[in-house]
Amino acid sequence: LLAGGTGSGKTYFILTMIEALLHTNANLYILDPKNSDLADLQTVM
């Protein structure tokens, strides 16, 4: 569970974890209800 105020870096932290996990055999399912930064990953994964 990641918690923090607005602009504290939660999304960048999630993006960093995703980038690291993509180098493994893990299967990732990503949900972004605000259609914000994580939703942009639709173009690459």
PDB file of all heavy atoms in Angstrom:
ATOM      1  N   LEU A   1       0.858  -1.181   0.000  1.00  0.00           N
ATOM      2  CA  LEU A   1       0.000   0.000   0.000  1.00  0.00           C
ATOM      3  C   LEU A   1       0.890   1.226   0.000  1.00  0.00           C
ATOM      4  O   LEU A   1       1.749   1.379   0.870  1.00  0.00           O
ATOM      5  CB  LEU A   1      -0.902   0.009   1.241  1.00  0.00           C
ATOM      6  CG  LEU A   1      -1.713   1.298   1.457  1.00  0.00           C
ATOM      7  CD1 LEU A   1      -2.749   1.455   0.342  1.00  0.00           C
ATOM      8  CD2 LEU A   1      -2.397   1.287   2.825  1.00  0.00           C
ATOM      9  N   LEU A   2       0.695   2.108  -0.981  1.00  0.00           N
ATOM     10  CA  LEU A   2       1.439   3.362  -1.052  1.00  0.00           C
ATOM     11  C   LEU A   2       0.515   4.490  -0.630  1.00  0.00           C
ATOM     12  O   LEU A   2      -0.601   4.599  -1.116  1.00  0.00           O
ATOM     13  CB  LEU A   2       1.934   3.618  -2.473  1.00  0.00           C
ATOM     14  CG  LEU A   2       2.817   2.543  -3.099  1.00  0.00           C
ATOM     15  CD1 LEU A   2       3.208   2.931  -4.519  1.00  0.00           C
ATOM     16  CD2 LEU A   2       4.052   2.315  -2.262  1.00  0.00           C
ATOM     17  N   ALA A   3       1.009   5.324   0.267  1.00  0.00           N
ATOM     18  CA  ALA A   3       0.202   6.453   0.751  1.00  0.00           C
ATOM     19  C   ALA A   3       1.066   7.702   0.795  1.00  0.00           C
ATOM     20  O   ALA A   3       2.253   7.641   1.096  1.00  0.00           O
ATOM     21  CB  ALA A   3      -0.366   6.154   2.139  1.00  0.00           C
ATOM     22  N   GLY A   4       0.454   8.833   0.492  1.00  0.00           N
ATOM     23  CA  GLY A   4       1.186  10.095   0.523  1.00  0.00           C
ATOM     24  C   GLY A   4       0.317  11.202  -0.030  1.00  0.00           C
ATOM     25  O   GLY A   4      -0.707  10.954  -0.684  1.00  0.00           O
ATOM     26  N   GLY A   5       0.741  12.402   0.217  1.00  0.00           N
ATOM     27  CA  GLY A   5      -0.019  13.559  -0.252  1.00  0.00           C
ATOM     28  C   GLY A   5       0.109  13.749  -1.749  1.00  0.00           C
ATOM     29  O   GLY A   5       0.909  13.098  -2.429  1.00  0.00           O
ATOM     30  N   THR A   6      -0.700  14.650  -2.292  1.00  0.00           N
ATOM     31  CA  THR A   6      -0.645  14.965  -3.709  1.00  0.00           C
ATOM     32  C   THR A   6       0.732  15.498  -4.073  1.00  0.00           C
ATOM     33  O   THR A   6       1.259  16.389  -3.420  1.00  0.00           O
ATOM     34  CB  THR A   6      -1.724  16.003  -4.064  1.00  0.00           C
ATOM     35  OG1 THR A   6      -3.011  15.486  -3.704  1.00  0.00           O
ATOM     36  CG2 THR A   6      -1.706  16.312  -5.552  1.00  0.00           C
ATOM     37  N   GLY A   7       1.306  14.931  -5.127  1.00  0.00           N
ATOM     38  CA  GLY A   7       2.619  15.383  -5.573  1.00  0.00           C
ATOM     39  C   GLY A   7       3.788  14.796  -4.799  1.00  0.00           C
ATOM     40  O   GLY A   7       4.926  15.233  -4.985  1.00  0.00           O
ATOM     41  N   SER A   8       3.528  13.806  -3.943  1.00  0.00           N
ATOM     42  CA  SER A   8       4.610  13.229  -3.133  1.00  0.00           C
ATOM     43  C   SER A   8       5.417  12.172  -3.888  1.00  0.00           C
ATOM     44  O   SER A   8       6.442  11.709  -3.391  1.00  0.00           O
ATOM     45  CB  SER A   8       4.044  12.626  -1.846  1.00  0.00           C
ATOM     46  OG  SER A   8       3.109  11.600  -2.149  1.00  0.00           O
ATOM     47  N   GLY A   9       4.964  11.769  -5.066  1.00  0.00           N
ATOM     48  CA  GLY A   9       5.745  10.833  -5.879  1.00  0.00           C
ATOM     49  C   GLY A   9       5.213   9.420  -5.931  1.00  0.00           C
ATOM     50  O   GLY A   9       5.935   8.507  -6.337  1.00  0.00           O
ATOM     51  N   LYS A  10       3.952   9.210  -5.552  1.00  0.00           N
ATOM     52  CA  LYS A  10       3.391   7.847  -5.544  1.00  0.00           C
ATOM     53  C   LYS A  10       3.385   7.244  -6.948  1.00  0.00           C
ATOM     54  O   LYS A  10       3.798   6.110  -7.142  1.00  0.00           O
ATOM     55  CB  LYS A  10       1.973   7.865  -4.963  1.00  0.00           C
ATOM     56  CG  LYS A  10       1.859   8.357  -3.538  1.00  0.00           C
ATOM     57  CD  LYS A  10       0.454   8.209  -3.010  1.00  0.00           C
ATOM     58  CE  LYS A  10      -0.574   9.005  -3.792  1.00  0.00           C
ATOM     59  NZ  LYS A  10      -0.315  10.466  -3.731  1.00  0.00           N
ATOM     60  N   THR A  11       2.911   7.998  -7.927  1.00  0.00           N
ATOM     61  CA  THR A  11       2.793   7.474  -9.282  1.00  0.00           C
ATOM     62  C   THR A  11       4.167   7.187  -9.876  1.00  0.00           C
ATOM     63  O   THR A  11       4.371   6.162 -10.542  1.00  0.00           O
ATOM     64  CB  THR A  11       2.031   8.470 -10.176  1.00  0.00           C
ATOM     65  OG1 THR A  11       0.721   8.671  -9.639  1.00  0.00           O
ATOM     66  CG2 THR A  11       1.902   7.934 -11.595  1.00  0.00           C
ATOM     67  N   TYR A  12       5.132   8.063  -9.661  1.00  0.00           N
ATOM     68  CA  TYR A  12       6.485   7.811 -10.153  1.00  0.00           C
ATOM     69  C   TYR A  12       7.069   6.558  -9.510  1.00  0.00           C
ATOM     70  O   TYR A  12       7.803   5.800 -10.146  1.00  0.00           O
ATOM     71  CB  TYR A  12       7.376   9.018  -9.889  1.00  0.00           C
ATOM     72  CG  TYR A  12       7.307  10.063 -10.981  1.00  0.00           C
ATOM     73  CD1 TYR A  12       6.542  11.205 -10.837  1.00  0.00           C
ATOM     74  CD2 TYR A  12       8.003   9.878 -12.184  1.00  0.00           C
ATOM     75  CE1 TYR A  12       6.468  12.147 -11.839  1.00  0.00           C
ATOM     76  CE2 TYR A  12       7.927  10.822 -13.196  1.00  0.00           C
ATOM     77  CZ  TYR A  12       7.165  11.956 -13.022  1.00  0.00           C
ATOM     78  OH  TYR A  12       7.092  12.881 -14.021  1.00  0.00           O
ATOM     79  N   PHE A  13       6.738   6.349  -8.246  1.00  0.00           N
ATOM     80  CA  PHE A  13       7.210   5.153  -7.558  1.00  0.00           C
ATOM     81  C   PHE A  13       6.606   3.902  -8.195  1.00  0.00           C
ATOM     82  O   PHE A  13       7.299   2.899  -8.419  1.00  0.00           O
ATOM     83  CB  PHE A  13       6.848   5.241  -6.075  1.00  0.00           C
ATOM     84  CG  PHE A  13       7.378   4.106  -5.252  1.00  0.00           C
ATOM     85  CD1 PHE A  13       8.733   3.865  -5.160  1.00  0.00           C
ATOM     86  CD2 PHE A  13       6.510   3.270  -4.559  1.00  0.00           C
ATOM     87  CE1 PHE A  13       9.224   2.818  -4.398  1.00  0.00           C
ATOM     88  CE2 PHE A  13       6.989   2.223  -3.796  1.00  0.00           C
ATOM     89  CZ  PHE A  13       8.353   1.990  -3.718  1.00  0.00           C
ATOM     90  N   ILE A  14       5.293   3.956  -8.504  1.00  0.00           N
ATOM     91  CA  ILE A  14       4.631   2.822  -9.158  1.00  0.00           C
ATOM     92  C   ILE A  14       5.240   2.577 -10.537  1.00  0.00           C
ATOM     93  O   ILE A  14       5.505   1.433 -10.923  1.00  0.00           O
ATOM     94  CB  ILE A  14       3.117   3.078  -9.270  1.00  0.00           C
ATOM     95  CG1 ILE A  14       2.475   3.113  -7.882  1.00  0.00           C
ATOM     96  CG2 ILE A  14       2.453   1.990 -10.121  1.00  0.00           C
ATOM     97  CD1 ILE A  14       1.004   3.464  -7.898  1.00  0.00           C
ATOM     98  N   LEU A  15       5.498   3.648 -11.279  1.00  0.00           N
ATOM     99  CA  LEU A  15       6.114   3.502 -12.598  1.00  0.00           C
ATOM    100  C   LEU A  15       7.494   2.866 -12.504  1.00  0.00           C
ATOM    101  O   LEU A  15       7.879   2.052 -13.348  1.00  0.00           O
ATOM    102  CB  LEU A  15       6.210   4.872 -13.285  1.00  0.00           C
ATOM    103  CG  LEU A  15       4.897   5.476 -13.786  1.00  0.00           C
ATOM    104  CD1 LEU A  15       5.096   6.928 -14.197  1.00  0.00           C
ATOM    105  CD2 LEU A  15       4.347   4.668 -14.962  1.00  0.00           C
ATOM    106  N   THR A  16       8.236   3.227 -11.467  1.00  0.00           N
ATOM    107  CA  THR A  16       9.560   2.642 -11.263  1.00  0.00           C
ATOM    108  C   THR A  16       9.455   1.149 -10.984  1.00  0.00           C
ATOM    109  O   THR A  16      10.229   0.342 -11.520  1.00  0.00           O
ATOM    110  CB  THR A  16      10.272   3.350 -10.094  1.00  0.00           C
ATOM    111  OG1 THR A  16      10.384   4.748 -10.382  1.00  0.00           O
ATOM    112  CG2 THR A  16      11.659   2.780  -9.873  1.00  0.00           C
ATOM    113  N   MET A  17       8.490   0.753 -10.148  1.00  0.00           N
ATOM    114  CA  MET A  17       8.287  -0.670  -9.859  1.00  0.00           C
ATOM    115  C   MET A  17       7.872  -1.421 -11.119  1.00  0.00           C
ATOM    116  O   MET A  17       8.340  -2.544 -11.372  1.00  0.00           O
ATOM    117  CB  MET A  17       7.236  -0.841  -8.771  1.00  0.00           C
ATOM    118  CG  MET A  17       7.677  -0.382  -7.389  1.00  0.00           C
ATOM    119  SD  MET A  17       6.588  -1.000  -6.084  1.00  0.00           S
ATOM    120  CE  MET A  17       5.017  -0.319  -6.596  1.00  0.00           C
ATOM    121  N   ILE A  18       6.984  -0.833 -11.905  1.00  0.00           N
ATOM    122  CA  ILE A  18       6.527  -1.483 -13.134  1.00  0.00           C
ATOM    123  C   ILE A  18       7.708  -1.717 -14.075  1.00  0.00           C
ATOM    124  O   ILE A  18       7.857  -2.806 -14.664  1.00  0.00           O
ATOM    125  CB  ILE A  18       5.443  -0.631 -13.814  1.00  0.00           C
ATOM    126  CG1 ILE A  18       4.157  -0.640 -12.987  1.00  0.00           C
ATOM    127  CG2 ILE A  18       5.168  -1.120 -15.233  1.00  0.00           C
ATOM    128  CD1 ILE A  18       3.090   0.315 -13.490  1.00  0.00           C
ATOM    129  N   GLU A  19       8.555  -0.713 -14.211  1.00  0.00           N
ATOM    130  CA  GLU A  19       9.717  -0.837 -15.099  1.00  0.00           C
ATOM    131  C   GLU A  19      10.626  -1.978 -14.661  1.00  0.00           C
ATOM    132  O   GLU A  19      11.137  -2.754 -15.484  1.00  0.00           O
ATOM    133  CB  GLU A  19      10.480   0.482 -15.123  1.00  0.00           C
ATOM    134  CG  GLU A  19      11.435   0.640 -16.302  1.00  0.00           C
ATOM    135  CD  GLU A  19      12.782  -0.020 -16.061  1.00  0.00           C
ATOM    136  OE1 GLU A  19      13.172  -0.171 -14.883  1.00  0.00           O
ATOM    137  OE2 GLU A  19      13.444  -0.388 -17.050  1.00  0.00           O
ATOM    138  N   ALA A  20      10.824  -2.119 -13.337  1.00  0.00           N
ATOM    139  CA  ALA A  20      11.670  -3.190 -12.812  1.00  0.00           C
ATOM    140  C   ALA A  20      11.017  -4.552 -13.012  1.00  0.00           C
ATOM    141  O   ALA A  20      11.683  -5.526 -13.389  1.00  0.00           O
ATOM    142  CB  ALA A  20      11.973  -2.946 -11.335  1.00  0.00           C
ATOM    143  N   LEU A  21       9.706  -4.650 -12.778  1.00  0.00           N
ATOM    144  CA  LEU A  21       9.003  -5.930 -12.890  1.00  0.00           C
ATOM    145  C   LEU A  21       8.883  -6.400 -14.340  1.00  0.00           C
ATOM    146  O   LEU A  21       8.744  -7.595 -14.595  1.00  0.00           O
ATOM    147  CB  LEU A  21       7.611  -5.817 -12.257  1.00  0.00           C
ATOM    148  CG  LEU A  21       7.587  -5.641 -10.734  1.00  0.00           C
ATOM    149  CD1 LEU A  21       6.181  -5.315 -10.258  1.00  0.00           C
ATOM    150  CD2 LEU A  21       8.107  -6.894 -10.042  1.00  0.00           C
ATOM    151  N   LEU A  22       8.953  -5.458 -15.284  1.00  0.00           N
ATOM    152  CA  LEU A  22       8.882  -5.840 -16.692  1.00  0.00           C
ATOM    153  C   LEU A  22      10.103  -6.651 -17.129  1.00  0.00           C
ATOM    154  O   LEU A  22      10.060  -7.329 -18.153  1.00  0.00           O
ATOM    155  CB  LEU A  22       8.752  -4.588 -17.571  1.00  0.00           C
ATOM    156  CG  LEU A  22       7.372  -3.919 -17.592  1.00  0.00           C
ATOM    157  CD1 LEU A  22       7.417  -2.620 -18.367  1.00  0.00           C
ATOM    158  CD2 LEU A  22       6.321  -4.852 -18.169  1.00  0.00           C
ATOM    159  N   HIS A  23      11.173  -6.593 -16.347  1.00  0.00           N
ATOM    160  CA  HIS A  23      12.374  -7.367 -16.671  1.00  0.00           C
ATOM    161  C   HIS A  23      12.313  -8.772 -16.077  1.00  0.00           C
ATOM    162  O   HIS A  23      13.288  -9.525 -16.171  1.00  0.00           O
ATOM    163  CB  HIS A  23      13.619  -6.639 -16.171  1.00  0.00           C
ATOM    164  CG  HIS A  23      13.879  -5.334 -16.867  1.00  0.00           C
ATOM    165  ND1 HIS A  23      14.434  -5.262 -18.134  1.00  0.00           N
ATOM    166  CD2 HIS A  23      13.638  -4.055 -16.495  1.00  0.00           C
ATOM    167  CE1 HIS A  23      14.532  -3.994 -18.502  1.00  0.00           C
ATOM    168  NE2 HIS A  23      14.064  -3.241 -17.521  1.00  0.00           N
ATOM    169  N   THR A  24      11.199  -9.115 -15.445  1.00  0.00           N
ATOM    170  CA  THR A  24      10.994 -10.462 -14.909  1.00  0.00           C
ATOM    171  C   THR A  24       9.915 -11.150 -15.744  1.00  0.00           C
ATOM    172  O   THR A  24       9.426 -10.594 -16.730  1.00  0.00           O
ATOM    173  CB  THR A  24      10.558 -10.408 -13.432  1.00  0.00           C
ATOM    174  OG1 THR A  24       9.231  -9.855 -13.343  1.00  0.00           O
ATOM    175  CG2 THR A  24      11.506  -9.529 -12.613  1.00  0.00           C
ATOM    176  N   ASN A  25       9.520 -12.347 -15.336  1.00  0.00           N
ATOM    177  CA  ASN A  25       8.453 -13.064 -16.054  1.00  0.00           C
ATOM    178  C   ASN A  25       7.077 -12.787 -15.459  1.00  0.00           C
ATOM    179  O   ASN A  25       6.126 -13.524 -15.712  1.00  0.00           O
ATOM    180  CB  ASN A  25       8.727 -14.568 -16.035  1.00  0.00           C
ATOM    181  CG  ASN A  25       8.702 -15.145 -14.619  1.00  0.00           C
ATOM    182  OD1 ASN A  25       8.764 -14.407 -13.644  1.00  0.00           O
ATOM    183  ND2 ASN A  25       8.634 -16.474 -14.514  1.00  0.00           N
ATOM    184  N   ALA A  26       6.964 -11.721 -14.650  1.00  0.00           N
ATOM    185  CA  ALA A  26       5.697 -11.390 -13.997  1.00  0.00           C
ATOM    186  C   ALA A  26       4.667 -10.896 -15.009  1.00  0.00           C
ATOM    187  O   ALA A  26       5.006 -10.301 -16.036  1.00  0.00           O
ATOM    188  CB  ALA A  26       5.920 -10.340 -12.918  1.00  0.00           C
ATOM    189  N   ASN A  27       3.392 -11.140 -14.696  1.00  0.00           N
ATOM    190  CA  ASN A  27       2.279 -10.623 -15.487  1.00  0.00           C
ATOM    191  C   ASN A  27       1.680  -9.426 -14.747  1.00  0.00           C
ATOM    192  O   ASN A  27       1.342  -9.522 -13.577  1.00  0.00           O
ATOM    193  CB  ASN A  27       1.208 -11.704 -15.676  1.00  0.00           C
ATOM    194  CG  ASN A  27       1.760 -12.921 -16.388  1.00  0.00           C
ATOM    195  OD1 ASN A  27       2.409 -12.806 -17.421  1.00  0.00           O
ATOM    196  ND2 ASN A  27       1.506 -14.102 -15.843  1.00  0.00           N
ATOM    197  N   LEU A  28       1.554  -8.304 -15.450  1.00  0.00           N
ATOM    198  CA  LEU A  28       1.093  -7.069 -14.821  1.00  0.00           C
ATOM    199  C   LEU A  28      -0.266  -6.666 -15.376  1.00  0.00           C
ATOM    200  O   LEU A  28      -0.490  -6.686 -16.593  1.00  0.00           O
ATOM    201  CB  LEU A  28       2.102  -5.933 -15.059  1.00  0.00           C
ATOM    202  CG  LEU A  28       3.569  -6.206 -14.697  1.00  0.00           C
ATOM    203  CD1 LEU A  28       4.409  -4.972 -14.955  1.00  0.00           C
ATOM    204  CD2 LEU A  28       3.694  -6.629 -13.246  1.00  0.00           C
ATOM    205  N   TYR A  29      -1.160  -6.277 -14.469  1.00  0.00           N
ATOM    206  CA  TYR A  29      -2.478  -5.743 -14.830  1.00  0.00           C
ATOM    207  C   TYR A  29      -2.596  -4.393 -14.126  1.00  0.00           C
ATOM    208  O   TYR A  29      -2.535  -4.323 -12.889  1.00  0.00           O
ATOM    209  CB  TYR A  29      -3.588  -6.692 -14.391  1.00  0.00           C
ATOM    210  CG  TYR A  29      -3.498  -8.060 -15.024  1.00  0.00           C
ATOM    211  CD1 TYR A  29      -2.652  -9.034 -14.491  1.00  0.00           C
ATOM    212  CD2 TYR A  29      -4.249  -8.366 -16.154  1.00  0.00           C
ATOM    213  CE1 TYR A  29      -2.558 -10.290 -15.086  1.00  0.00           C
ATOM    214  CE2 TYR A  29      -4.156  -9.624 -16.744  1.00  0.00           C
ATOM    215  CZ  TYR A  29      -3.307 -10.570 -16.206  1.00  0.00           C
ATOM    216  OH  TYR A  29      -3.207 -11.805 -16.793  1.00  0.00           O
ATOM    217  N   ILE A  30      -2.778  -3.334 -14.905  1.00  0.00           N
ATOM    218  CA  ILE A  30      -2.683  -1.974 -14.370  1.00  0.00           C
ATOM    219  C   ILE A  30      -4.009  -1.249 -14.564  1.00  0.00           C
ATOM    220  O   ILE A  30      -4.558  -1.208 -15.674  1.00  0.00           O
ATOM    221  CB  ILE A  30      -1.544  -1.203 -15.060  1.00  0.00           C
ATOM    222  CG1 ILE A  30      -0.217  -1.950 -14.831  1.00  0.00           C
ATOM    223  CG2 ILE A  30      -1.450   0.221 -14.536  1.00  0.00           C
ATOM    224  CD1 ILE A  30       0.919  -1.443 -15.677  1.00  0.00           C
ATOM    225  N   LEU A  31      -4.516  -0.674 -13.476  1.00  0.00           N
ATOM    226  CA  LEU A  31      -5.790   0.049 -13.500  1.00  0.00           C
ATOM    227  C   LEU A  31      -5.570   1.489 -13.071  1.00  0.00           C
ATOM    228  O   LEU A  31      -4.987   1.748 -12.011  1.00  0.00           O
ATOM    229  CB  LEU A  31      -6.799  -0.631 -12.568  1.00  0.00           C
ATOM    230  CG  LEU A  31      -6.985  -2.152 -12.742  1.00  0.00           C
ATOM    231  CD1 LEU A  31      -8.033  -2.663 -11.770  1.00  0.00           C
ATOM    232  CD2 LEU A  31      -7.357  -2.489 -14.165  1.00  0.00           C
ATOM    233  N   ASP A  32      -6.047   2.414 -13.898  1.00  0.00           N
ATOM    234  CA  ASP A  32      -5.898   3.847 -13.608  1.00  0.00           C
ATOM    235  C   ASP A  32      -7.258   4.518 -13.785  1.00  0.00           C
ATOM    236  O   ASP A  32      -7.586   5.009 -14.876  1.00  0.00           O
ATOM    237  CB  ASP A  32      -4.864   4.462 -14.548  1.00  0.00           C
ATOM    238  CG  ASP A  32      -4.580   5.925 -14.204  1.00  0.00           C
ATOM    239  OD1 ASP A  32      -5.207   6.454 -13.274  1.00  0.00           O
ATOM    240  OD2 ASP A  32      -3.728   6.533 -14.871  1.00  0.00           O
ATOM    241  N   PRO A  33      -8.082   4.557 -12.725  1.00  0.00           N
ATOM    242  CA  PRO A  33      -9.448   5.093 -12.859  1.00  0.00           C
ATOM    243  C   PRO A  33      -9.488   6.579 -13.211  1.00  0.00           C
ATOM    244  O   PRO A  33     -10.510   7.054 -13.710  1.00  0.00           O
ATOM    245  CB  PRO A  33     -10.063   4.827 -11.481  1.00  0.00           C
ATOM    246  CG  PRO A  33      -8.903   4.693 -10.554  1.00  0.00           C
ATOM    247  CD  PRO A  33      -7.808   4.069 -11.362  1.00  0.00           C
ATOM    248  N   LYS A  34      -8.408   7.305 -12.965  1.00  0.00           N
ATOM    249  CA  LYS A  34      -8.395   8.736 -13.294  1.00  0.00           C
ATOM    250  C   LYS A  34      -7.889   9.005 -14.705  1.00  0.00           C
ATOM    251  O   LYS A  34      -7.772  10.159 -15.104  1.00  0.00           O
ATOM    252  CB  LYS A  34      -7.539   9.496 -12.272  1.00  0.00           C
ATOM    253  CG  LYS A  34      -8.225   9.642 -10.912  1.00  0.00           C
ATOM    254  CD  LYS A  34      -7.500  10.652 -10.043  1.00  0.00           C
ATOM    255  CE  LYS A  34      -8.286  10.936  -8.763  1.00  0.00           C
ATOM    256  NZ  LYS A  34      -7.636  11.963  -7.918  1.00  0.00           N
ATOM    257  N   ASN A  35      -7.573   7.915 -15.451  1.00  0.00           N
ATOM    258  CA  ASN A  35      -7.075   8.061 -16.819  1.00  0.00           C
ATOM    259  C   ASN A  35      -5.912   9.053 -16.862  1.00  0.00           C
ATOM    260  O   ASN A  35      -5.861   9.955 -17.704  1.00  0.00           O
ATOM    261  CB  ASN A  35      -8.202   8.516 -17.746  1.00  0.00           C
ATOM    262  CG  ASN A  35      -7.822   8.348 -19.210  1.00  0.00           C
ATOM    263  OD1 ASN A  35      -6.926   7.586 -19.550  1.00  0.00           O
ATOM    264  ND2 ASN A  35      -8.503   9.075 -20.076  1.00  0.00           N
ATOM    265  N   SER A  36      -4.980   8.853 -15.955  1.00  0.00           N
ATOM    266  CA  SER A  36      -3.868   9.787 -15.825  1.00  0.00           C
ATOM    267  C   SER A  36      -2.566   9.156 -16.324  1.00  0.00           C
ATOM    268  O   SER A  36      -2.539   8.563 -17.400  1.00  0.00           O
ATOM    269  CB  SER A  36      -3.747  10.221 -14.359  1.00  0.00           C
ATOM    270  OG  SER A  36      -2.791  11.236 -14.213  1.00  0.00           O
ATOM    271  N   ASP A  37      -1.503   9.243 -15.529  1.00  0.00           N
ATOM    272  CA  ASP A  37      -0.169   8.847 -15.989  1.00  0.00           C
ATOM    273  C   ASP A  37      -0.059   7.364 -16.334  1.00  0.00           C
ATOM    274  O   ASP A  37       0.534   6.998 -17.347  1.00  0.00           O
ATOM    275  CB  ASP A  37       0.876   9.209 -14.920  1.00  0.00           C
ATOM    276  CG  ASP A  37       0.922  10.701 -14.656  1.00  0.00           C
ATOM    277  OD1 ASP A  37       1.066  11.448 -15.632  1.00  0.00           O
ATOM    278  OD2 ASP A  37       0.794  11.113 -13.491  1.00  0.00           O
ATOM    279  N   LEU A  38      -0.613   6.475 -15.484  1.00  0.00           N
ATOM    280  CA  LEU A  38      -0.484   5.053 -15.759  1.00  0.00           C
ATOM    281  C   LEU A  38      -1.258   4.638 -16.994  1.00  0.00           C
ATOM    282  O   LEU A  38      -0.894   3.669 -17.670  1.00  0.00           O
ATOM    283  CB  LEU A  38      -0.946   4.231 -14.547  1.00  0.00           C
ATOM    284  CG  LEU A  38      -0.116   4.354 -13.270  1.00  0.00           C
ATOM    285  CD1 LEU A  38      -0.540   3.304 -12.255  1.00  0.00           C
ATOM    286  CD2 LEU A  38       1.366   4.223 -13.557  1.00  0.00           C
ATOM    287  N   ALA A  39      -2.331   5.354 -17.297  1.00  0.00           N
ATOM    288  CA  ALA A  39      -3.126   5.029 -18.490  1.00  0.00           C
ATOM    289  C   ALA A  39      -2.303   5.200 -19.769  1.00  0.00           C
ATOM    290  O   ALA A  39      -2.573   4.543 -20.781  1.00  0.00           O
ATOM    291  CB  ALA A  39      -4.374   5.893 -18.543  1.00  0.00           C
ATOM    292  N   ASP A  40      -1.287   6.052 -19.746  1.00  0.00           N
ATOM    293  CA  ASP A  40      -0.440   6.261 -20.929  1.00  0.00           C
ATOM    294  C   ASP A  40       0.343   5.007 -21.306  1.00  0.00           C
ATOM    295  O   ASP A  40       0.842   4.905 -22.433  1.00  0.00           O
ATOM    296  CB  ASP A  40       0.542   7.412 -20.678  1.00  0.00           C
ATOM    297  CG  ASP A  40      -0.176   8.748 -20.498  1.00  0.00           C
ATOM    298  OD1 ASP A  40      -1.334   8.855 -20.944  1.00  0.00           O
ATOM    299  OD2 ASP A  40       0.422   9.668 -19.913  1.00  0.00           O
ATOM    300  N   LEU A  41       0.447   4.053 -20.360  1.00  0.00           N
ATOM    301  CA  LEU A  41       1.179   2.816 -20.650  1.00  0.00           C
ATOM    302  C   LEU A  41       0.438   1.932 -21.657  1.00  0.00           C
ATOM    303  O   LEU A  41       1.006   0.952 -22.143  1.00  0.00           O
ATOM    304  CB  LEU A  41       1.411   2.035 -19.348  1.00  0.00           C
ATOM    305  CG  LEU A  41       2.314   2.711 -18.307  1.00  0.00           C
ATOM    306  CD1 LEU A  41       2.346   1.886 -17.020  1.00  0.00           C
ATOM    307  CD2 LEU A  41       3.730   2.895 -18.846  1.00  0.00           C
ATOM    308  N   GLN A  42      -0.822   2.270 -21.964  1.00  0.00           N
ATOM    309  CA  GLN A  42      -1.592   1.485 -22.939  1.00  0.00           C
ATOM    310  C   GLN A  42      -0.891   1.413 -24.293  1.00  0.00           C
ATOM    311  O   GLN A  42      -1.072   0.462 -25.048  1.00  0.00           O
ATOM    312  CB  GLN A  42      -2.988   2.093 -23.120  1.00  0.00           C
ATOM    313  CG  GLN A  42      -3.889   1.936 -21.909  1.00  0.00           C
ATOM    314  CD  GLN A  42      -5.203   2.671 -22.091  1.00  0.00           C
ATOM    315  OE1 GLN A  42      -5.302   3.591 -22.892  1.00  0.00           O
ATOM    316  NE2 GLN A  42      -6.219   2.257 -21.340  1.00  0.00           N
ATOM    317  N   THR A  43      -0.080   2.426 -24.592  1.00  0.00           N
ATOM    318  CA  THR A  43       0.579   2.483 -25.903  1.00  0.00           C
ATOM    319  C   THR A  43       1.802   1.580 -25.983  1.00  0.00           C
ATOM    320  O   THR A  43       2.299   1.319 -27.090  1.00  0.00           O
ATOM    321  CB  THR A  43       1.001   3.930 -26.220  1.00  0.00           C
ATOM    322  OG1 THR A  43       1.897   4.394 -25.193  1.00  0.00           O
ATOM    323  CG2 THR A  43      -0.207   4.850 -26.281  1.00  0.00           C
ATOM    324  N   VAL A  44       2.295   1.101 -24.844  1.00  0.00           N
ATOM    325  CA  VAL A  44       3.538   0.317 -24.864  1.00  0.00           C
ATOM    326  C   VAL A  44       3.404  -1.061 -24.229  1.00  0.00           C
ATOM    327  O   VAL A  44       4.322  -1.879 -24.329  1.00  0.00           O
ATOM    328  CB  VAL A  44       4.685   1.086 -24.165  1.00  0.00           C
ATOM    329  CG1 VAL A  44       5.054   2.337 -24.947  1.00  0.00           C
ATOM    330  CG2 VAL A  44       4.312   1.441 -22.728  1.00  0.00           C
ATOM    331  N   MET A  45       2.290  -1.356 -23.563  1.00  0.00           N
ATOM    332  CA  MET A  45       2.153  -2.663 -22.918  1.00  0.00           C
ATOM    333  C   MET A  45       0.679  -3.041 -22.816  1.00  0.00           C
ATOM    334  O   MET A  45      -0.206  -2.171 -22.821  1.00  0.00           O
ATOM    335  CB  MET A  45       2.804  -2.665 -21.529  1.00  0.00           C
ATOM    336  CG  MET A  45       2.254  -1.627 -20.573  1.00  0.00           C
ATOM    337  SD  MET A  45       3.135  -1.598 -18.982  1.00  0.00           S
ATOM    338  CE  MET A  45       2.722  -3.214 -18.318  1.00  0.00           C
TER     339      MET A  45
END
